[in-house]
Structure formats: C-alpha cells, structure tokens
N, C-alpha and C. Protein backbone atom coordinates (compact mmCIF):
# COMPACT_ATOMS: atom_id res chain seq x y z
N MET A 1 13.32 -55.20 -38.40
CA MET A 1 13.90 -55.14 -37.07
C MET A 1 14.73 -53.87 -36.92
N LEU A 2 15.55 -53.55 -37.90
CA LEU A 2 16.39 -52.37 -37.82
C LEU A 2 15.55 -51.10 -37.81
N ARG A 3 14.44 -51.12 -38.51
CA ARG A 3 13.57 -49.94 -38.55
C ARG A 3 13.01 -49.63 -37.17
N ARG A 4 12.60 -50.65 -36.42
CA ARG A 4 12.06 -50.44 -35.08
C ARG A 4 13.12 -49.86 -34.15
N ILE A 5 14.32 -50.32 -34.29
CA ILE A 5 15.40 -49.79 -33.44
C ILE A 5 15.62 -48.32 -33.74
N ARG A 6 15.61 -47.95 -34.99
CA ARG A 6 15.79 -46.54 -35.36
C ARG A 6 14.66 -45.66 -34.83
N GLU A 7 13.44 -46.19 -34.82
CA GLU A 7 12.30 -45.41 -34.33
C GLU A 7 12.37 -45.20 -32.83
N ARG A 8 12.96 -46.12 -32.11
CA ARG A 8 13.00 -46.03 -30.65
C ARG A 8 14.18 -45.23 -30.13
N THR A 9 15.18 -45.02 -30.94
CA THR A 9 16.34 -44.26 -30.48
C THR A 9 16.22 -42.82 -30.97
N VAL A 10 16.69 -41.92 -30.14
CA VAL A 10 16.65 -40.50 -30.47
C VAL A 10 18.08 -40.03 -30.66
N PRO A 11 18.44 -39.57 -31.85
CA PRO A 11 19.81 -39.08 -32.05
C PRO A 11 20.04 -37.82 -31.24
N PRO A 12 21.23 -37.67 -30.65
CA PRO A 12 21.49 -36.47 -29.84
C PRO A 12 21.42 -35.20 -30.67
N GLY A 13 20.61 -34.26 -30.22
CA GLY A 13 20.48 -32.99 -30.92
C GLY A 13 19.64 -33.05 -32.17
N GLY A 14 19.12 -34.21 -32.50
CA GLY A 14 18.33 -34.34 -33.72
C GLY A 14 16.86 -34.10 -33.48
N PRO A 15 16.12 -33.84 -34.54
CA PRO A 15 14.67 -33.62 -34.39
C PRO A 15 13.96 -34.95 -34.11
N LEU A 16 12.81 -34.86 -33.49
CA LEU A 16 12.02 -36.04 -33.16
C LEU A 16 10.93 -36.25 -34.20
N THR A 17 10.66 -37.51 -34.50
CA THR A 17 9.51 -37.82 -35.33
C THR A 17 8.26 -37.73 -34.46
N ARG A 18 7.10 -37.77 -35.07
CA ARG A 18 5.85 -37.70 -34.30
C ARG A 18 5.76 -38.86 -33.31
N ARG A 19 6.13 -40.03 -33.77
CA ARG A 19 6.06 -41.22 -32.91
C ARG A 19 7.02 -41.09 -31.74
N GLN A 20 8.23 -40.61 -31.99
CA GLN A 20 9.20 -40.43 -30.92
C GLN A 20 8.75 -39.35 -29.94
N LYS A 21 8.15 -38.28 -30.48
CA LYS A 21 7.66 -37.20 -29.62
C LYS A 21 6.54 -37.70 -28.71
N LYS A 22 5.64 -38.49 -29.27
CA LYS A 22 4.54 -39.03 -28.47
C LYS A 22 5.07 -39.99 -27.41
N ALA A 23 6.00 -40.85 -27.78
CA ALA A 23 6.56 -41.80 -26.82
C ALA A 23 7.32 -41.08 -25.71
N ALA A 24 8.08 -40.06 -26.07
CA ALA A 24 8.83 -39.30 -25.06
C ALA A 24 7.88 -38.54 -24.14
N SER A 25 6.81 -37.99 -24.68
CA SER A 25 5.82 -37.28 -23.85
C SER A 25 5.15 -38.24 -22.88
N GLU A 26 4.80 -39.43 -23.34
CA GLU A 26 4.20 -40.43 -22.46
C GLU A 26 5.18 -40.86 -21.38
N ALA A 27 6.45 -41.00 -21.73
CA ALA A 27 7.46 -41.37 -20.74
C ALA A 27 7.63 -40.27 -19.70
N ILE A 28 7.58 -39.02 -20.12
CA ILE A 28 7.67 -37.89 -19.18
C ILE A 28 6.48 -37.90 -18.24
N ILE A 29 5.30 -38.15 -18.77
CA ILE A 29 4.09 -38.17 -17.94
C ILE A 29 4.17 -39.30 -16.92
N ARG A 30 4.62 -40.48 -17.34
CA ARG A 30 4.78 -41.59 -16.40
C ARG A 30 5.80 -41.27 -15.33
N LEU A 31 6.89 -40.65 -15.73
CA LEU A 31 7.95 -40.30 -14.78
C LEU A 31 7.45 -39.26 -13.78
N LEU A 32 6.76 -38.24 -14.25
CA LEU A 32 6.25 -37.21 -13.35
C LEU A 32 5.08 -37.72 -12.51
N GLY A 33 4.44 -38.80 -12.92
CA GLY A 33 3.41 -39.42 -12.10
C GLY A 33 3.98 -40.04 -10.85
N ARG A 34 5.25 -40.43 -10.90
CA ARG A 34 5.90 -41.02 -9.73
C ARG A 34 6.52 -39.97 -8.82
N ALA A 35 7.14 -38.95 -9.41
CA ALA A 35 7.79 -37.90 -8.62
C ALA A 35 7.96 -36.67 -9.49
N SER A 36 7.93 -35.50 -8.86
CA SER A 36 8.16 -34.27 -9.61
C SER A 36 9.65 -34.15 -9.93
N GLY A 37 9.97 -33.34 -10.92
CA GLY A 37 11.36 -33.18 -11.30
C GLY A 37 11.55 -31.95 -12.17
N ASN A 38 12.81 -31.62 -12.42
CA ASN A 38 13.10 -30.49 -13.29
C ASN A 38 13.61 -31.01 -14.62
N VAL A 39 13.95 -30.11 -15.51
CA VAL A 39 14.34 -30.48 -16.87
C VAL A 39 15.58 -31.37 -16.87
N SER A 40 16.58 -31.01 -16.08
CA SER A 40 17.82 -31.77 -16.10
C SER A 40 17.63 -33.18 -15.54
N GLU A 41 16.79 -33.33 -14.51
CA GLU A 41 16.54 -34.66 -13.95
C GLU A 41 15.80 -35.55 -14.94
N VAL A 42 14.80 -34.99 -15.60
CA VAL A 42 14.03 -35.76 -16.58
C VAL A 42 14.92 -36.13 -17.77
N ALA A 43 15.74 -35.18 -18.22
CA ALA A 43 16.64 -35.45 -19.35
C ALA A 43 17.65 -36.53 -19.00
N GLU A 44 18.17 -36.48 -17.78
CA GLU A 44 19.15 -37.49 -17.36
C GLU A 44 18.49 -38.86 -17.27
N HIS A 45 17.28 -38.91 -16.75
CA HIS A 45 16.59 -40.19 -16.60
C HIS A 45 16.25 -40.81 -17.96
N LEU A 46 15.79 -39.99 -18.89
CA LEU A 46 15.38 -40.51 -20.20
C LEU A 46 16.53 -40.58 -21.20
N GLY A 47 17.63 -39.90 -20.93
CA GLY A 47 18.77 -39.93 -21.84
C GLY A 47 18.55 -39.11 -23.10
N ILE A 48 17.81 -38.03 -23.00
CA ILE A 48 17.52 -37.15 -24.13
C ILE A 48 18.06 -35.77 -23.80
N ASP A 49 18.43 -34.99 -24.82
CA ASP A 49 18.94 -33.63 -24.61
C ASP A 49 17.97 -32.80 -23.79
N GLU A 50 18.54 -31.91 -22.98
CA GLU A 50 17.72 -31.03 -22.16
C GLU A 50 16.86 -30.09 -23.01
N GLU A 51 17.38 -29.67 -24.16
CA GLU A 51 16.60 -28.79 -25.04
C GLU A 51 15.33 -29.48 -25.53
N LEU A 52 15.45 -30.75 -25.93
CA LEU A 52 14.28 -31.49 -26.40
C LEU A 52 13.29 -31.72 -25.26
N ILE A 53 13.81 -32.06 -24.08
CA ILE A 53 12.94 -32.27 -22.92
C ILE A 53 12.22 -30.97 -22.57
N ASP A 54 12.94 -29.85 -22.62
CA ASP A 54 12.33 -28.56 -22.31
C ASP A 54 11.20 -28.26 -23.30
N GLN A 55 11.42 -28.52 -24.59
CA GLN A 55 10.37 -28.30 -25.59
C GLN A 55 9.16 -29.19 -25.32
N LEU A 56 9.41 -30.46 -25.00
CA LEU A 56 8.30 -31.37 -24.73
C LEU A 56 7.54 -30.97 -23.47
N LEU A 57 8.27 -30.55 -22.43
CA LEU A 57 7.61 -30.12 -21.20
C LEU A 57 6.79 -28.85 -21.42
N GLN A 58 7.31 -27.93 -22.22
CA GLN A 58 6.54 -26.72 -22.52
C GLN A 58 5.26 -27.06 -23.28
N GLU A 59 5.34 -28.02 -24.18
CA GLU A 59 4.15 -28.47 -24.91
C GLU A 59 3.15 -29.12 -23.95
N LEU A 60 3.64 -29.94 -23.02
CA LEU A 60 2.76 -30.59 -22.05
C LEU A 60 2.14 -29.57 -21.09
N VAL A 61 2.87 -28.51 -20.75
CA VAL A 61 2.32 -27.44 -19.92
C VAL A 61 1.23 -26.70 -20.70
N ARG A 62 1.49 -26.46 -21.98
CA ARG A 62 0.54 -25.72 -22.81
C ARG A 62 -0.79 -26.46 -22.94
N ILE A 63 -0.73 -27.78 -23.08
CA ILE A 63 -1.98 -28.55 -23.24
C ILE A 63 -2.59 -28.93 -21.90
N GLY A 64 -1.90 -28.65 -20.79
CA GLY A 64 -2.48 -28.86 -19.47
C GLY A 64 -2.20 -30.18 -18.80
N ARG A 65 -1.30 -30.99 -19.33
CA ARG A 65 -0.99 -32.28 -18.71
C ARG A 65 0.03 -32.16 -17.59
N VAL A 66 0.87 -31.13 -17.66
CA VAL A 66 1.94 -30.92 -16.68
C VAL A 66 1.82 -29.50 -16.15
N ARG A 67 2.21 -29.32 -14.89
CA ARG A 67 2.16 -28.01 -14.25
C ARG A 67 3.56 -27.62 -13.80
N ARG A 68 3.91 -26.34 -13.98
CA ARG A 68 5.22 -25.84 -13.55
C ARG A 68 5.10 -25.36 -12.11
N ASN A 69 6.02 -25.81 -11.25
CA ASN A 69 6.06 -25.39 -9.85
C ASN A 69 6.75 -24.05 -9.73
N PRO A 70 6.53 -23.33 -8.62
CA PRO A 70 7.22 -22.05 -8.40
C PRO A 70 8.74 -22.21 -8.30
N ASP A 71 9.21 -23.39 -7.88
CA ASP A 71 10.66 -23.60 -7.76
C ASP A 71 11.32 -23.98 -9.08
N GLY A 72 10.57 -24.02 -10.17
CA GLY A 72 11.12 -24.33 -11.48
C GLY A 72 10.97 -25.78 -11.88
N GLY A 73 10.46 -26.62 -11.00
CA GLY A 73 10.25 -28.02 -11.31
C GLY A 73 8.91 -28.23 -12.00
N PHE A 74 8.65 -29.47 -12.36
CA PHE A 74 7.41 -29.81 -13.04
C PHE A 74 6.72 -30.95 -12.28
N THR A 75 5.41 -30.91 -12.24
CA THR A 75 4.62 -31.99 -11.66
C THR A 75 3.49 -32.34 -12.63
N LEU A 76 2.96 -33.52 -12.45
CA LEU A 76 1.84 -33.96 -13.27
C LEU A 76 0.59 -33.21 -12.83
N HIS A 77 -0.13 -32.64 -13.77
CA HIS A 77 -1.38 -31.93 -13.48
C HIS A 77 -2.50 -32.96 -13.48
N ASP A 78 -3.05 -33.20 -12.30
CA ASP A 78 -4.09 -34.21 -12.15
C ASP A 78 -5.31 -33.58 -11.49
N PRO A 79 -6.21 -32.99 -12.28
CA PRO A 79 -7.36 -32.32 -11.68
C PRO A 79 -8.30 -33.28 -10.96
N LEU A 80 -8.32 -34.54 -11.34
CA LEU A 80 -9.20 -35.50 -10.68
C LEU A 80 -8.78 -35.72 -9.24
N SER A 81 -7.48 -35.76 -8.97
CA SER A 81 -7.02 -35.95 -7.59
C SER A 81 -7.42 -34.75 -6.74
N LYS A 82 -7.37 -33.55 -7.29
CA LYS A 82 -7.81 -32.37 -6.55
C LYS A 82 -9.30 -32.46 -6.25
N TRP A 83 -10.07 -32.99 -7.18
CA TRP A 83 -11.50 -33.14 -6.96
C TRP A 83 -11.75 -34.11 -5.81
N TRP A 84 -11.02 -35.23 -5.80
CA TRP A 84 -11.20 -36.20 -4.73
C TRP A 84 -10.76 -35.62 -3.39
N GLU A 85 -9.67 -34.86 -3.38
CA GLU A 85 -9.21 -34.26 -2.13
C GLU A 85 -10.25 -33.28 -1.59
N SER A 86 -10.79 -32.44 -2.44
CA SER A 86 -11.78 -31.47 -1.98
C SER A 86 -13.08 -32.18 -1.58
N LYS A 87 -13.43 -33.23 -2.29
CA LYS A 87 -14.65 -33.98 -1.98
C LYS A 87 -14.50 -34.68 -0.63
N GLY A 88 -13.33 -35.26 -0.38
CA GLY A 88 -13.09 -35.97 0.88
C GLY A 88 -13.03 -35.04 2.07
N SER A 89 -12.50 -33.84 1.90
CA SER A 89 -12.38 -32.91 3.03
C SER A 89 -13.74 -32.38 3.46
N LYS A 90 -14.71 -32.32 2.55
CA LYS A 90 -16.04 -31.82 2.90
C LYS A 90 -16.83 -32.87 3.68
N ASN A 91 -16.57 -34.14 3.39
CA ASN A 91 -17.33 -35.20 4.04
C ASN A 91 -16.84 -35.51 5.44
N PHE A 92 -15.61 -35.21 5.75
CA PHE A 92 -15.06 -35.59 7.05
C PHE A 92 -14.93 -34.43 7.95
C-alpha cells in the first residue's frame, strides 16, 4: 500500500520515474483535451513544478501529441479532427 502511494506522488523538484512521467503526460493530454492552457495553468492544476511540466510539454510537442500556440499556450494536437473538419466542409 505504501509503495503505491509513493509511486503516485511526485516530490517537489525531484526527478520523475518512468511510470510517473507517463501518468503525468496522460494527465496533461486529458487536461488539454478539455481546454488549452499554458505551463503555469497546467502546473497549478496538476500540482507539479512548472519546470517538470515544461519538460513534459516539450516532450509531448516533440512527439506530436501537443501543439504550441503563437500566444505561448498549448493545445492538444488532434489531426483526426482537422480531417473531419476539412471533410465536412467539402460536402456542404
């Protein structure tokens, strides 16, 4: 029981394990699926340091799951929705 609690908590300023990094990345993706946000908003919502959130967001941008907006915010990169939007506009 104590081991599970340790795996789910992130010490402030400490490094993340692979499992914690994956869980935090999935949480960021779910959060950005609801609304776009910047580093400080995501960090405040998840309760993790801004530096760690920034590193995770940069990794998600690098692999193509998240897109950086011109205003400095981040949104979920969803190419399928763009496909449906372009497909729907041609039919109507």
